[in-house]
Amino acid sequence: MTRYLLNQIAVAMVLMSPALAASPAEQRGKTFALNNCSKCHSIDHVTQSPLKIAPPFRTLHTRYPIEMLAEALAEGIVTGHPTMPEFRLDPDQINDLLAYLKTLE
C-alpha cells in the first residue's frame, strides 16, 4: 500500500471510532456539533471546514479561551455573515459543547 492510502485509512479509522475515554458530556457535545455545526465547520482534528469562511473548531481556542464562549452561546452567537444561524443553547448544551471543544485543543 502506498503511504497516502495508509494515511487515508488511518484518518478514516480515527473519524469512525469513538473517542477514547470520552466523557458523556464530550460525546453529547460532539453529537450537538455534528448535528448543528458540521454543515459549515470542521468539528474534528483533521478535516477542512466545508464552508471556507467557517473556522475549524480545532482552532477556536487560538482565537478565544473556550470558557469565554459560554456567555456567547447562552445569549446567542451573532456573526458578521448572514449564513451563520443564531444559536442559543441551554446550560447543559453549553457545558457539553465546551467539553467537546476542549478535546480539540
N, C-alpha and C. Protein backbone atom coordinates (compact mmCIF):
# COMPACT_ATOMS: atom_id res chain seq x y z
N MET A 1 0.84 -1.19 0.00
CA MET A 1 0.00 0.00 0.00
C MET A 1 0.88 1.24 0.00
N THR A 2 0.36 2.26 -0.63
CA THR A 2 1.12 3.50 -0.65
C THR A 2 0.95 4.23 0.68
N ARG A 3 1.89 5.10 0.96
CA ARG A 3 1.83 5.88 2.20
C ARG A 3 0.55 6.71 2.24
N TYR A 4 0.14 7.28 1.09
CA TYR A 4 -1.08 8.07 1.02
C TYR A 4 -2.29 7.24 1.43
N LEU A 5 -2.40 6.04 0.89
CA LEU A 5 -3.53 5.18 1.21
C LEU A 5 -3.53 4.80 2.68
N LEU A 6 -2.36 4.51 3.23
CA LEU A 6 -2.28 4.19 4.66
C LEU A 6 -2.71 5.38 5.51
N ASN A 7 -2.30 6.58 5.12
CA ASN A 7 -2.73 7.78 5.85
C ASN A 7 -4.24 7.96 5.77
N GLN A 8 -4.83 7.72 4.61
CA GLN A 8 -6.27 7.85 4.45
C GLN A 8 -7.01 6.83 5.31
N ILE A 9 -6.50 5.63 5.39
CA ILE A 9 -7.11 4.60 6.23
C ILE A 9 -7.02 5.01 7.70
N ALA A 10 -5.87 5.52 8.10
CA ALA A 10 -5.69 5.95 9.49
C ALA A 10 -6.65 7.08 9.85
N VAL A 11 -6.81 8.06 8.97
CA VAL A 11 -7.74 9.17 9.21
C VAL A 11 -9.17 8.64 9.32
N ALA A 12 -9.55 7.74 8.44
CA ALA A 12 -10.90 7.17 8.47
C ALA A 12 -11.14 6.42 9.77
N MET A 13 -10.16 5.70 10.24
CA MET A 13 -10.31 4.94 11.49
C MET A 13 -10.49 5.89 12.67
N VAL A 14 -9.75 6.98 12.68
CA VAL A 14 -9.88 7.95 13.76
C VAL A 14 -11.26 8.59 13.74
N LEU A 15 -11.72 8.96 12.55
CA LEU A 15 -13.01 9.63 12.44
C LEU A 15 -14.17 8.70 12.78
N MET A 16 -14.03 7.43 12.48
CA MET A 16 -15.12 6.49 12.69
C MET A 16 -15.15 5.92 14.10
N SER A 17 -14.03 5.89 14.78
CA SER A 17 -14.00 5.28 16.10
C SER A 17 -14.41 6.30 17.16
N PRO A 18 -15.06 5.83 18.22
CA PRO A 18 -15.42 6.76 19.29
C PRO A 18 -14.16 7.23 20.01
N ALA A 19 -14.24 8.42 20.56
CA ALA A 19 -13.09 8.96 21.28
C ALA A 19 -12.79 8.08 22.48
N LEU A 20 -11.51 7.82 22.71
CA LEU A 20 -11.12 7.01 23.84
C LEU A 20 -11.40 7.76 25.13
N ALA A 21 -12.07 7.10 26.03
CA ALA A 21 -12.36 7.64 27.36
C ALA A 21 -13.10 8.98 27.30
N ALA A 22 -13.88 9.20 26.27
CA ALA A 22 -14.65 10.43 26.19
C ALA A 22 -15.75 10.41 27.25
N SER A 23 -15.90 11.54 27.90
CA SER A 23 -16.95 11.64 28.90
C SER A 23 -18.31 11.71 28.21
N PRO A 24 -19.38 11.44 28.96
CA PRO A 24 -20.71 11.60 28.36
C PRO A 24 -20.95 13.03 27.87
N ALA A 25 -20.46 14.03 28.61
CA ALA A 25 -20.64 15.42 28.17
C ALA A 25 -19.92 15.66 26.85
N GLU A 26 -18.71 15.14 26.71
CA GLU A 26 -17.96 15.30 25.46
C GLU A 26 -18.69 14.63 24.30
N GLN A 27 -19.24 13.46 24.54
CA GLN A 27 -19.99 12.76 23.50
C GLN A 27 -21.24 13.53 23.09
N ARG A 28 -21.97 14.07 24.08
CA ARG A 28 -23.16 14.87 23.76
C ARG A 28 -22.76 16.14 23.01
N GLY A 29 -21.66 16.77 23.40
CA GLY A 29 -21.18 17.96 22.71
C GLY A 29 -20.79 17.65 21.28
N LYS A 30 -20.14 16.52 21.07
CA LYS A 30 -19.76 16.12 19.71
C LYS A 30 -21.01 15.87 18.87
N THR A 31 -22.00 15.24 19.45
CA THR A 31 -23.26 14.98 18.74
C THR A 31 -23.94 16.29 18.38
N PHE A 32 -23.97 17.24 19.33
CA PHE A 32 -24.56 18.55 19.04
C PHE A 32 -23.82 19.21 17.87
N ALA A 33 -22.50 19.21 17.93
CA ALA A 33 -21.70 19.83 16.87
C ALA A 33 -21.94 19.13 15.53
N LEU A 34 -22.02 17.83 15.55
CA LEU A 34 -22.26 17.07 14.32
C LEU A 34 -23.61 17.44 13.72
N ASN A 35 -24.63 17.53 14.55
CA ASN A 35 -25.99 17.80 14.07
C ASN A 35 -26.24 19.26 13.72
N ASN A 36 -25.52 20.19 14.35
CA ASN A 36 -25.83 21.61 14.17
C ASN A 36 -24.73 22.46 13.54
N CYS A 37 -23.51 21.95 13.52
CA CYS A 37 -22.39 22.80 13.11
C CYS A 37 -21.58 22.25 11.94
N SER A 38 -21.61 20.95 11.74
CA SER A 38 -20.70 20.32 10.78
C SER A 38 -21.03 20.60 9.32
N LYS A 39 -22.19 21.17 9.05
CA LYS A 39 -22.51 21.54 7.67
C LYS A 39 -21.54 22.61 7.17
N CYS A 40 -21.06 23.45 8.09
CA CYS A 40 -20.17 24.53 7.72
C CYS A 40 -18.77 24.41 8.33
N HIS A 41 -18.70 23.94 9.58
CA HIS A 41 -17.43 23.88 10.32
C HIS A 41 -16.86 22.47 10.35
N SER A 42 -15.53 22.39 10.31
CA SER A 42 -14.87 21.13 10.65
C SER A 42 -15.01 20.98 12.15
N ILE A 43 -15.45 19.81 12.60
CA ILE A 43 -15.63 19.60 14.03
C ILE A 43 -14.67 18.54 14.56
N ASP A 44 -13.61 18.25 13.81
CA ASP A 44 -12.65 17.23 14.24
C ASP A 44 -11.23 17.78 14.18
N HIS A 45 -10.26 16.88 14.33
CA HIS A 45 -8.85 17.28 14.37
C HIS A 45 -8.21 17.39 12.99
N VAL A 46 -8.86 16.92 11.92
CA VAL A 46 -8.13 16.80 10.65
C VAL A 46 -8.80 17.39 9.42
N THR A 47 -10.10 17.39 9.34
CA THR A 47 -10.74 17.78 8.09
C THR A 47 -10.83 19.29 7.95
N GLN A 48 -11.02 19.75 6.71
CA GLN A 48 -11.23 21.16 6.46
C GLN A 48 -12.72 21.47 6.61
N SER A 49 -13.02 22.71 6.94
CA SER A 49 -14.41 23.13 7.04
C SER A 49 -15.06 23.09 5.67
N PRO A 50 -16.29 22.56 5.57
CA PRO A 50 -17.00 22.56 4.29
C PRO A 50 -17.20 23.97 3.74
N LEU A 51 -17.40 24.94 4.62
CA LEU A 51 -17.55 26.34 4.22
C LEU A 51 -16.23 27.05 4.56
N LYS A 52 -15.54 27.56 3.56
CA LYS A 52 -14.19 28.10 3.76
C LYS A 52 -14.11 29.18 4.84
N ILE A 53 -15.13 30.01 4.97
CA ILE A 53 -15.06 31.10 5.96
C ILE A 53 -15.39 30.62 7.37
N ALA A 54 -15.83 29.38 7.52
CA ALA A 54 -16.17 28.84 8.84
C ALA A 54 -14.91 28.25 9.48
N PRO A 55 -14.47 28.79 10.59
CA PRO A 55 -13.24 28.27 11.19
C PRO A 55 -13.43 26.85 11.70
N PRO A 56 -12.40 26.02 11.54
CA PRO A 56 -12.47 24.68 12.14
C PRO A 56 -12.56 24.81 13.66
N PHE A 57 -13.35 23.97 14.28
CA PHE A 57 -13.49 24.04 15.73
C PHE A 57 -12.17 23.82 16.44
N ARG A 58 -11.24 23.06 15.84
CA ARG A 58 -9.96 22.79 16.49
C ARG A 58 -9.11 24.05 16.63
N THR A 59 -9.47 25.14 15.94
CA THR A 59 -8.69 26.38 16.04
C THR A 59 -9.36 27.43 16.92
N LEU A 60 -10.55 27.16 17.41
CA LEU A 60 -11.27 28.17 18.19
C LEU A 60 -10.48 28.60 19.42
N HIS A 61 -9.79 27.66 20.06
CA HIS A 61 -9.06 28.00 21.28
C HIS A 61 -7.90 28.96 21.01
N THR A 62 -7.48 29.10 19.75
CA THR A 62 -6.42 30.07 19.44
C THR A 62 -6.99 31.48 19.29
N ARG A 63 -8.30 31.57 19.12
CA ARG A 63 -8.96 32.86 18.97
C ARG A 63 -9.60 33.33 20.28
N TYR A 64 -10.13 32.39 21.03
CA TYR A 64 -10.86 32.71 22.27
C TYR A 64 -10.57 31.64 23.31
N PRO A 65 -10.46 32.01 24.59
CA PRO A 65 -10.46 30.97 25.61
C PRO A 65 -11.81 30.25 25.54
N ILE A 66 -11.81 28.94 25.48
CA ILE A 66 -13.04 28.17 25.28
C ILE A 66 -14.09 28.52 26.33
N GLU A 67 -13.68 28.72 27.57
CA GLU A 67 -14.64 29.06 28.63
C GLU A 67 -15.37 30.37 28.34
N MET A 68 -14.71 31.27 27.60
CA MET A 68 -15.31 32.57 27.30
C MET A 68 -16.47 32.44 26.30
N LEU A 69 -16.57 31.32 25.63
CA LEU A 69 -17.66 31.13 24.67
C LEU A 69 -18.99 30.83 25.35
N ALA A 70 -18.97 30.47 26.63
CA ALA A 70 -20.20 30.09 27.33
C ALA A 70 -21.24 31.20 27.29
N GLU A 71 -20.83 32.42 27.58
CA GLU A 71 -21.78 33.54 27.60
C GLU A 71 -22.37 33.78 26.21
N ALA A 72 -21.50 33.74 25.19
CA ALA A 72 -21.99 33.95 23.82
C ALA A 72 -22.96 32.85 23.40
N LEU A 73 -22.70 31.63 23.81
CA LEU A 73 -23.61 30.53 23.47
C LEU A 73 -24.95 30.67 24.19
N ALA A 74 -24.93 31.22 25.39
CA ALA A 74 -26.18 31.41 26.15
C ALA A 74 -27.00 32.56 25.59
N GLU A 75 -26.31 33.63 25.17
CA GLU A 75 -27.02 34.82 24.70
C GLU A 75 -27.35 34.74 23.22
N GLY A 76 -26.63 33.92 22.51
CA GLY A 76 -26.83 33.79 21.07
C GLY A 76 -25.64 34.32 20.32
N ILE A 77 -24.98 33.47 19.57
CA ILE A 77 -23.83 33.90 18.78
C ILE A 77 -24.34 34.60 17.53
N VAL A 78 -23.87 35.81 17.35
CA VAL A 78 -24.20 36.57 16.15
C VAL A 78 -22.88 36.89 15.47
N THR A 79 -22.77 36.58 14.19
CA THR A 79 -21.52 36.82 13.47
C THR A 79 -21.73 37.85 12.39
N GLY A 80 -20.64 38.19 11.74
CA GLY A 80 -20.70 39.19 10.70
C GLY A 80 -21.17 38.67 9.36
N HIS A 81 -21.50 37.40 9.28
CA HIS A 81 -22.01 36.90 8.00
C HIS A 81 -23.38 36.28 8.20
N PRO A 82 -24.30 36.55 7.28
CA PRO A 82 -25.70 36.16 7.47
C PRO A 82 -25.97 34.66 7.36
N THR A 83 -25.03 33.88 6.86
CA THR A 83 -25.30 32.44 6.71
C THR A 83 -25.18 31.69 8.03
N MET A 84 -24.57 32.31 9.05
CA MET A 84 -24.44 31.66 10.35
C MET A 84 -25.73 31.83 11.12
N PRO A 85 -26.41 30.73 11.42
CA PRO A 85 -27.65 30.86 12.20
C PRO A 85 -27.33 31.28 13.63
N GLU A 86 -28.27 31.94 14.27
CA GLU A 86 -28.08 32.32 15.67
C GLU A 86 -28.49 31.14 16.54
N PHE A 87 -27.60 30.75 17.42
CA PHE A 87 -27.87 29.66 18.35
C PHE A 87 -27.93 30.20 19.76
N ARG A 88 -28.91 29.74 20.50
CA ARG A 88 -28.97 29.98 21.94
C ARG A 88 -29.09 28.62 22.59
N LEU A 89 -28.10 28.28 23.38
CA LEU A 89 -28.05 26.96 23.99
C LEU A 89 -28.45 27.05 25.46
N ASP A 90 -29.00 25.97 25.97
CA ASP A 90 -29.30 25.92 27.39
C ASP A 90 -28.01 25.55 28.14
N PRO A 91 -27.98 25.73 29.46
CA PRO A 91 -26.74 25.50 30.22
C PRO A 91 -26.14 24.10 30.02
N ASP A 92 -26.97 23.07 29.95
CA ASP A 92 -26.44 21.73 29.74
C ASP A 92 -25.81 21.58 28.36
N GLN A 93 -26.44 22.15 27.34
CA GLN A 93 -25.87 22.09 26.00
C GLN A 93 -24.54 22.86 25.94
N ILE A 94 -24.48 23.98 26.62
CA ILE A 94 -23.24 24.76 26.65
C ILE A 94 -22.13 23.94 27.30
N ASN A 95 -22.41 23.35 28.43
CA ASN A 95 -21.43 22.53 29.13
C ASN A 95 -20.93 21.41 28.22
N ASP A 96 -21.85 20.74 27.55
CA ASP A 96 -21.48 19.63 26.67
C ASP A 96 -20.63 20.09 25.50
N LEU A 97 -21.04 21.16 24.84
CA LEU A 97 -20.31 21.65 23.68
C LEU A 97 -18.92 22.14 24.08
N LEU A 98 -18.82 22.86 25.20
CA LEU A 98 -17.50 23.31 25.66
C LEU A 98 -16.62 22.14 26.03
N ALA A 99 -17.19 21.12 26.64
CA ALA A 99 -16.40 19.92 26.96
C ALA A 99 -15.84 19.30 25.69
N TYR A 100 -16.65 19.24 24.64
CA TYR A 100 -16.17 18.69 23.39
C TYR A 100 -15.12 19.59 22.76
N LEU A 101 -15.34 20.89 22.73
CA LEU A 101 -14.37 21.82 22.13
C LEU A 101 -13.01 21.72 22.82
N LYS A 102 -13.01 21.49 24.12
CA LYS A 102 -11.74 21.36 24.84
C LYS A 102 -10.96 20.13 24.39
N THR A 103 -11.65 19.11 23.89
CA THR A 103 -10.94 17.92 23.41
C THR A 103 -10.20 18.21 22.11
N LEU A 104 -10.54 19.29 21.45
CA LEU A 104 -9.92 19.64 20.17
C LEU A 104 -8.71 20.57 20.33
N GLU A 105 -8.46 21.03 21.53
CA GLU A 105 -7.33 21.95 21.75
C GLU A 105 -6.01 21.28 21.47
